[in-house]
Amino acid sequence: MPPVTRALIISTVLIFLLQLNGGMVYLTPFALWPTLGNVLTAPWQLVSYSFLHGGIGHIFFNMFAVYMFGSELERVFGARRYAMLWFAGVISGALAQIAVGMLFGSQAPVIGASAGVFGLLLTYGVLFPKRRVVLLIPPIPMPAALFVALYGALELFLGVTGLQTGVAHFAHLGGMLGAGLMLRYFWSSRLRR
């Protein structure tokens, strides 16, 4: 497993174990509280929220996706650019959730690496659009680009309609946006050389 992917998984799992041992009281200041004032006084929340998770299923699926998609992307981009891509997704996901929270008055804290994961999914779909991925439930194979497009559309639908509460859909979409912007930066800087 490449070094940044390994470091992300290990650090996230260690923090989750701390949460399980009653450390959530101490970790609460590291969740993303989607208000502009809070982020101005606690800017670390733009990143720290991505290392916290709400349960075994939450961390398992996020870290499984980091392993599955991140390992290959890190091999393509190298450690430094891969880390830039990851944190672009995490930070832009946080900013998107803050914007939505301010617009609609949502004050619920946000935790989880999903914004970074959605950034990886978008990047994977762009780089390997015809590669087959298989959904876990139901197990349907499809091209990566189609999978990413459908998943993004589903997140937008669920976020706008509010049919699935307790999920930061706009953080997911913001993660995709951040990764897309970082990819564009990578390509434009390559063309300038």
C-alpha atoms as a PDB file:
ATOM      1  CA  MET A   1       0.000   0.000   0.000  1.00  0.00           C
ATOM      2  CA  PRO A   2       1.472   3.418  -0.919  1.00  0.00           C
ATOM      3  CA  PRO A   3       2.627   5.645   1.977  1.00  0.00           C
ATOM      4  CA  VAL A   4      -0.009   8.415   2.021  1.00  0.00           C
ATOM      5  CA  THR A   5      -2.884   5.958   1.614  1.00  0.00           C
ATOM      6  CA  ARG A   6      -1.422   3.842   4.420  1.00  0.00           C
ATOM      7  CA  ALA A   7      -0.939   6.893   6.662  1.00  0.00           C
ATOM      8  CA  LEU A   8      -4.529   8.069   6.070  1.00  0.00           C
ATOM      9  CA  ILE A   9      -5.964   4.655   6.940  1.00  0.00           C
ATOM     10  CA  ILE A  10      -3.772   4.060   9.997  1.00  0.00           C
ATOM     11  CA  SER A  11      -4.297   7.525  11.483  1.00  0.00           C
ATOM     12  CA  THR A  12      -8.053   7.382  10.895  1.00  0.00           C
ATOM     13  CA  VAL A  13      -8.334   3.942  12.496  1.00  0.00           C
ATOM     14  CA  LEU A  14      -6.235   5.016  15.499  1.00  0.00           C
ATOM     15  CA  ILE A  15      -8.423   8.079  16.039  1.00  0.00           C
ATOM     16  CA  PHE A  16     -11.528   5.908  15.716  1.00  0.00           C
ATOM     17  CA  LEU A  17     -10.170   3.573  18.402  1.00  0.00           C
ATOM     18  CA  LEU A  18      -9.695   6.618  20.618  1.00  0.00           C
ATOM     19  CA  GLN A  19     -13.327   7.554  19.943  1.00  0.00           C
ATOM     20  CA  LEU A  20     -14.460   4.052  20.954  1.00  0.00           C
ATOM     21  CA  ASN A  21     -12.582   4.369  24.236  1.00  0.00           C
ATOM     22  CA  GLY A  22     -14.568   7.410  25.307  1.00  0.00           C
ATOM     23  CA  GLY A  23     -12.378   9.967  23.618  1.00  0.00           C
ATOM     24  CA  MET A  24     -15.248  11.582  21.701  1.00  0.00           C
ATOM     25  CA  VAL A  25     -15.677  14.136  24.469  1.00  0.00           C
ATOM     26  CA  TYR A  26     -12.157  15.347  23.734  1.00  0.00           C
ATOM     27  CA  LEU A  27     -12.557  14.992  19.973  1.00  0.00           C
ATOM     28  CA  THR A  28     -15.775  17.048  19.685  1.00  0.00           C
ATOM     29  CA  PRO A  29     -13.829  20.276  18.970  1.00  0.00           C
ATOM     30  CA  PHE A  30     -12.383  18.500  15.929  1.00  0.00           C
ATOM     31  CA  ALA A  31     -15.738  17.802  14.244  1.00  0.00           C
ATOM     32  CA  LEU A  32     -16.838  20.307  11.601  1.00  0.00           C
ATOM     33  CA  TRP A  33     -19.441  22.646  13.073  1.00  0.00           C
ATOM     34  CA  PRO A  34     -20.838  24.250   9.907  1.00  0.00           C
ATOM     35  CA  THR A  35     -20.886  27.898  10.885  1.00  0.00           C
ATOM     36  CA  LEU A  36     -18.568  30.539   9.522  1.00  0.00           C
ATOM     37  CA  GLY A  37     -17.817  31.929  12.982  1.00  0.00           C
ATOM     38  CA  ASN A  38     -16.814  28.549  14.343  1.00  0.00           C
ATOM     39  CA  VAL A  39     -14.500  27.802  11.441  1.00  0.00           C
ATOM     40  CA  LEU A  40     -12.851  31.219  11.785  1.00  0.00           C
ATOM     41  CA  THR A  41     -12.055  30.441  15.427  1.00  0.00           C
ATOM     42  CA  ALA A  42     -11.271  26.730  14.823  1.00  0.00           C
ATOM     43  CA  PRO A  43      -9.894  26.452  11.252  1.00  0.00           C
ATOM     44  CA  TRP A  44      -8.414  22.995  11.915  1.00  0.00           C
ATOM     45  CA  GLN A  45     -11.966  21.642  11.663  1.00  0.00           C
ATOM     46  CA  LEU A  46     -11.707  21.994   7.862  1.00  0.00           C
ATOM     47  CA  VAL A  47      -9.444  18.915   7.975  1.00  0.00           C
ATOM     48  CA  SER A  48      -9.801  17.286  11.396  1.00  0.00           C
ATOM     49  CA  TYR A  49     -13.458  16.280  10.832  1.00  0.00           C
ATOM     50  CA  SER A  50     -12.321  13.861   8.133  1.00  0.00           C
ATOM     51  CA  PHE A  51     -10.493  11.697  10.690  1.00  0.00           C
ATOM     52  CA  LEU A  52     -13.591  11.173  12.900  1.00  0.00           C
ATOM     53  CA  HIS A  53     -16.296   8.595  12.166  1.00  0.00           C
ATOM     54  CA  GLY A  54     -19.736   7.720  13.466  1.00  0.00           C
ATOM     55  CA  GLY A  55     -19.529   3.939  13.650  1.00  0.00           C
ATOM     56  CA  ILE A  56     -17.906   0.754  12.378  1.00  0.00           C
ATOM     57  CA  GLY A  57     -19.783   0.781   9.060  1.00  0.00           C
ATOM     58  CA  HIS A  58     -18.946   4.429   8.456  1.00  0.00           C
ATOM     59  CA  ILE A  59     -15.204   3.990   8.921  1.00  0.00           C
ATOM     60  CA  PHE A  60     -15.095   0.595   7.194  1.00  0.00           C
ATOM     61  CA  PHE A  61     -16.648   1.770   3.929  1.00  0.00           C
ATOM     62  CA  ASN A  62     -14.656   5.006   3.868  1.00  0.00           C
ATOM     63  CA  MET A  63     -11.326   3.283   4.518  1.00  0.00           C
ATOM     64  CA  PHE A  64     -12.164   0.486   2.098  1.00  0.00           C
ATOM     65  CA  ALA A  65     -12.714   3.125  -0.605  1.00  0.00           C
ATOM     66  CA  VAL A  66      -9.461   4.886   0.338  1.00  0.00           C
ATOM     67  CA  TYR A  67      -7.662   1.561  -0.020  1.00  0.00           C
ATOM     68  CA  MET A  68      -9.390   0.555  -3.269  1.00  0.00           C
ATOM     69  CA  PHE A  69      -9.241   3.854  -5.141  1.00  0.00           C
ATOM     70  CA  GLY A  70      -6.555   5.766  -3.285  1.00  0.00           C
ATOM     71  CA  SER A  71      -3.827   3.150  -3.651  1.00  0.00           C
ATOM     72  CA  GLU A  72      -4.021   3.239  -7.426  1.00  0.00           C
ATOM     73  CA  LEU A  73      -4.375   7.011  -7.602  1.00  0.00           C
ATOM     74  CA  GLU A  74      -1.347   7.506  -5.362  1.00  0.00           C
ATOM     75  CA  ARG A  75       0.680   5.309  -7.709  1.00  0.00           C
ATOM     76  CA  VAL A  76      -0.422   7.498 -10.628  1.00  0.00           C
ATOM     77  CA  PHE A  77       0.111  10.907  -8.991  1.00  0.00           C
ATOM     78  CA  GLY A  78       2.847  10.232  -6.458  1.00  0.00           C
ATOM     79  CA  ALA A  79       2.604  10.938  -2.752  1.00  0.00           C
ATOM     80  CA  ARG A  80       2.692  14.752  -2.837  1.00  0.00           C
ATOM     81  CA  ARG A  81       0.072  15.275  -5.545  1.00  0.00           C
ATOM     82  CA  TYR A  82      -2.113  12.530  -4.147  1.00  0.00           C
ATOM     83  CA  ALA A  83      -2.072  14.221  -0.727  1.00  0.00           C
ATOM     84  CA  MET A  84      -2.936  17.532  -2.417  1.00  0.00           C
ATOM     85  CA  LEU A  85      -5.855  15.831  -4.173  1.00  0.00           C
ATOM     86  CA  TRP A  86      -7.094  14.236  -0.934  1.00  0.00           C
ATOM     87  CA  PHE A  87      -6.994  17.416   1.114  1.00  0.00           C
ATOM     88  CA  ALA A  88      -8.541  19.466  -1.702  1.00  0.00           C
ATOM     89  CA  GLY A  89     -11.542  17.119  -1.513  1.00  0.00           C
ATOM     90  CA  VAL A  90     -11.669  17.235   2.298  1.00  0.00           C
ATOM     91  CA  ILE A  91     -11.401  21.033   2.545  1.00  0.00           C
ATOM     92  CA  SER A  92     -13.758  21.831  -0.322  1.00  0.00           C
ATOM     93  CA  GLY A  93     -16.247  19.341   1.130  1.00  0.00           C
ATOM     94  CA  ALA A  94     -16.071  21.188   4.452  1.00  0.00           C
ATOM     95  CA  LEU A  95     -16.539  24.557   2.739  1.00  0.00           C
ATOM     96  CA  ALA A  96     -19.530  23.263   0.758  1.00  0.00           C
ATOM     97  CA  GLN A  97     -21.143  21.925   3.929  1.00  0.00           C
ATOM     98  CA  ILE A  98     -20.526  25.231   5.723  1.00  0.00           C
ATOM     99  CA  ALA A  99     -22.135  27.136   2.841  1.00  0.00           C
ATOM    100  CA  VAL A 100     -25.193  24.872   2.891  1.00  0.00           C
ATOM    101  CA  GLY A 101     -25.335  25.039   6.690  1.00  0.00           C
ATOM    102  CA  MET A 102     -25.321  28.827   6.572  1.00  0.00           C
ATOM    103  CA  LEU A 103     -27.987  28.943   3.847  1.00  0.00           C
ATOM    104  CA  PHE A 104     -30.363  26.503   5.511  1.00  0.00           C
ATOM    105  CA  GLY A 105     -29.474  26.939   9.175  1.00  0.00           C
ATOM    106  CA  SER A 106     -28.069  23.460   9.730  1.00  0.00           C
ATOM    107  CA  GLN A 107     -25.904  23.394  12.853  1.00  0.00           C
ATOM    108  CA  ALA A 108     -25.289  19.630  13.038  1.00  0.00           C
ATOM    109  CA  PRO A 109     -21.628  18.620  13.293  1.00  0.00           C
ATOM    110  CA  VAL A 110     -20.077  16.790  10.347  1.00  0.00           C
ATOM    111  CA  ILE A 111     -17.606  13.923  10.674  1.00  0.00           C
ATOM    112  CA  GLY A 112     -16.109  11.402   8.270  1.00  0.00           C
ATOM    113  CA  ALA A 113     -13.696  11.060   5.382  1.00  0.00           C
ATOM    114  CA  SER A 114     -16.448  10.904   2.759  1.00  0.00           C
ATOM    115  CA  ALA A 115     -15.611  14.247   1.114  1.00  0.00           C
ATOM    116  CA  GLY A 116     -12.080  12.997   0.460  1.00  0.00           C
ATOM    117  CA  VAL A 117     -13.452   9.646  -0.699  1.00  0.00           C
ATOM    118  CA  PHE A 118     -15.816  11.320  -3.161  1.00  0.00           C
ATOM    119  CA  GLY A 119     -12.867  13.320  -4.463  1.00  0.00           C
ATOM    120  CA  LEU A 120     -11.020  10.058  -5.053  1.00  0.00           C
ATOM    121  CA  LEU A 121     -14.070   8.553  -6.778  1.00  0.00           C
ATOM    122  CA  LEU A 122     -14.334  11.491  -9.158  1.00  0.00           C
ATOM    123  CA  THR A 123     -10.618  11.324  -9.934  1.00  0.00           C
ATOM    124  CA  TYR A 124     -10.786   7.575 -10.511  1.00  0.00           C
ATOM    125  CA  GLY A 125     -13.753   7.993 -12.856  1.00  0.00           C
ATOM    126  CA  VAL A 126     -11.938  10.700 -14.830  1.00  0.00           C
ATOM    127  CA  LEU A 127      -8.652   8.784 -15.128  1.00  0.00           C
ATOM    128  CA  PHE A 128     -10.118   5.326 -15.677  1.00  0.00           C
ATOM    129  CA  PRO A 129     -13.581   5.974 -17.161  1.00  0.00           C
ATOM    130  CA  LYS A 130     -14.010   2.531 -18.765  1.00  0.00           C
ATOM    131  CA  ARG A 131     -12.602   0.461 -15.936  1.00  0.00           C
ATOM    132  CA  ARG A 132     -15.265  -1.756 -14.370  1.00  0.00           C
ATOM    133  CA  VAL A 133     -16.278  -1.245 -10.775  1.00  0.00           C
ATOM    134  CA  VAL A 134     -18.779  -3.418  -8.958  1.00  0.00           C
ATOM    135  CA  LEU A 135     -21.269  -2.057  -6.463  1.00  0.00           C
ATOM    136  CA  LEU A 136     -21.367  -3.943  -3.184  1.00  0.00           C
ATOM    137  CA  ILE A 137     -25.163  -3.848  -2.834  1.00  0.00           C
ATOM    138  CA  PRO A 138     -26.484  -4.817  -5.357  1.00  0.00           C
ATOM    139  CA  PRO A 139     -23.402  -6.312  -7.058  1.00  0.00           C
ATOM    140  CA  ILE A 140     -23.761  -4.620 -10.458  1.00  0.00           C
ATOM    141  CA  PRO A 141     -20.642  -4.051 -12.602  1.00  0.00           C
ATOM    142  CA  MET A 142     -20.457  -0.757 -14.508  1.00  0.00           C
ATOM    143  CA  PRO A 143     -17.856   1.584 -16.012  1.00  0.00           C
ATOM    144  CA  ALA A 144     -16.218   3.841 -13.419  1.00  0.00           C
ATOM    145  CA  ALA A 145     -17.354   7.043 -15.159  1.00  0.00           C
ATOM    146  CA  LEU A 146     -20.992   5.910 -15.083  1.00  0.00           C
ATOM    147  CA  PHE A 147     -20.703   4.833 -11.440  1.00  0.00           C
ATOM    148  CA  VAL A 148     -19.296   8.236 -10.439  1.00  0.00           C
ATOM    149  CA  ALA A 149     -21.910  10.155 -12.450  1.00  0.00           C
ATOM    150  CA  LEU A 150     -24.788   8.146 -10.951  1.00  0.00           C
ATOM    151  CA  TYR A 151     -23.397   8.418  -7.429  1.00  0.00           C
ATOM    152  CA  GLY A 152     -22.918  12.182  -7.803  1.00  0.00           C
ATOM    153  CA  ALA A 153     -26.456  12.577  -9.165  1.00  0.00           C
ATOM    154  CA  LEU A 154     -27.838  10.507  -6.279  1.00  0.00           C
ATOM    155  CA  GLU A 155     -25.995  12.678  -3.740  1.00  0.00           C
ATOM    156  CA  LEU A 156     -27.376  15.836  -5.351  1.00  0.00           C
ATOM    157  CA  PHE A 157     -30.908  14.400  -5.371  1.00  0.00           C
ATOM    158  CA  LEU A 158     -30.722  13.282  -1.733  1.00  0.00           C
ATOM    159  CA  GLY A 159     -29.178  16.571  -0.647  1.00  0.00           C
ATOM    160  CA  VAL A 160     -31.777  18.730  -2.386  1.00  0.00           C
ATOM    161  CA  THR A 161     -34.794  16.659  -1.383  1.00  0.00           C
ATOM    162  CA  GLY A 162     -33.651  15.915   2.173  1.00  0.00           C
ATOM    163  CA  LEU A 163     -34.872  12.316   1.855  1.00  0.00           C
ATOM    164  CA  GLN A 164     -31.830  10.954   3.659  1.00  0.00           C
ATOM    165  CA  THR A 165     -31.057  12.963   6.761  1.00  0.00           C
ATOM    166  CA  GLY A 166     -27.933  12.684   8.862  1.00  0.00           C
ATOM    167  CA  VAL A 167     -25.643  12.521   5.825  1.00  0.00           C
ATOM    168  CA  ALA A 168     -23.555  15.461   4.605  1.00  0.00           C
ATOM    169  CA  HIS A 169     -24.475  15.125   0.921  1.00  0.00           C
ATOM    170  CA  PHE A 170     -23.116  18.545   0.040  1.00  0.00           C
ATOM    171  CA  ALA A 171     -19.780  17.724   1.654  1.00  0.00           C
ATOM    172  CA  HIS A 172     -19.621  14.742  -0.708  1.00  0.00           C
ATOM    173  CA  LEU A 173     -20.393  16.947  -3.695  1.00  0.00           C
ATOM    174  CA  GLY A 174     -17.904  19.544  -2.450  1.00  0.00           C
ATOM    175  CA  GLY A 175     -15.257  16.814  -2.262  1.00  0.00           C
ATOM    176  CA  MET A 176     -15.896  15.987  -5.892  1.00  0.00           C
ATOM    177  CA  LEU A 177     -15.647  19.657  -6.817  1.00  0.00           C
ATOM    178  CA  GLY A 178     -12.371  20.110  -4.935  1.00  0.00           C
ATOM    179  CA  ALA A 179     -10.804  17.068  -6.574  1.00  0.00           C
ATOM    180  CA  GLY A 180     -11.998  18.232  -9.982  1.00  0.00           C
ATOM    181  CA  LEU A 181     -10.412  21.647  -9.440  1.00  0.00           C
ATOM    182  CA  MET A 182      -7.167  20.041  -8.266  1.00  0.00           C
ATOM    183  CA  LEU A 183      -7.100  17.794 -11.338  1.00  0.00           C
ATOM    184  CA  ARG A 184      -7.554  20.861 -13.511  1.00  0.00           C
ATOM    185  CA  TYR A 185      -4.668  22.536 -11.687  1.00  0.00           C
ATOM    186  CA  PHE A 186      -2.452  19.472 -12.233  1.00  0.00           C
ATOM    187  CA  TRP A 187      -3.233  19.426 -15.955  1.00  0.00           C
ATOM    188  CA  SER A 188      -2.797  23.171 -16.461  1.00  0.00           C
ATOM    189  CA  SER A 189       0.531  23.211 -14.575  1.00  0.00           C
ATOM    190  CA  ARG A 190       1.698  20.314 -16.732  1.00  0.00           C
ATOM    191  CA  LEU A 191       0.811  22.208 -19.911  1.00  0.00           C
ATOM    192  CA  ARG A 192       2.773  25.275 -18.734  1.00  0.00           C
ATOM    193  CA  ARG A 193       6.012  23.290 -18.433  1.00  0.00           C
END
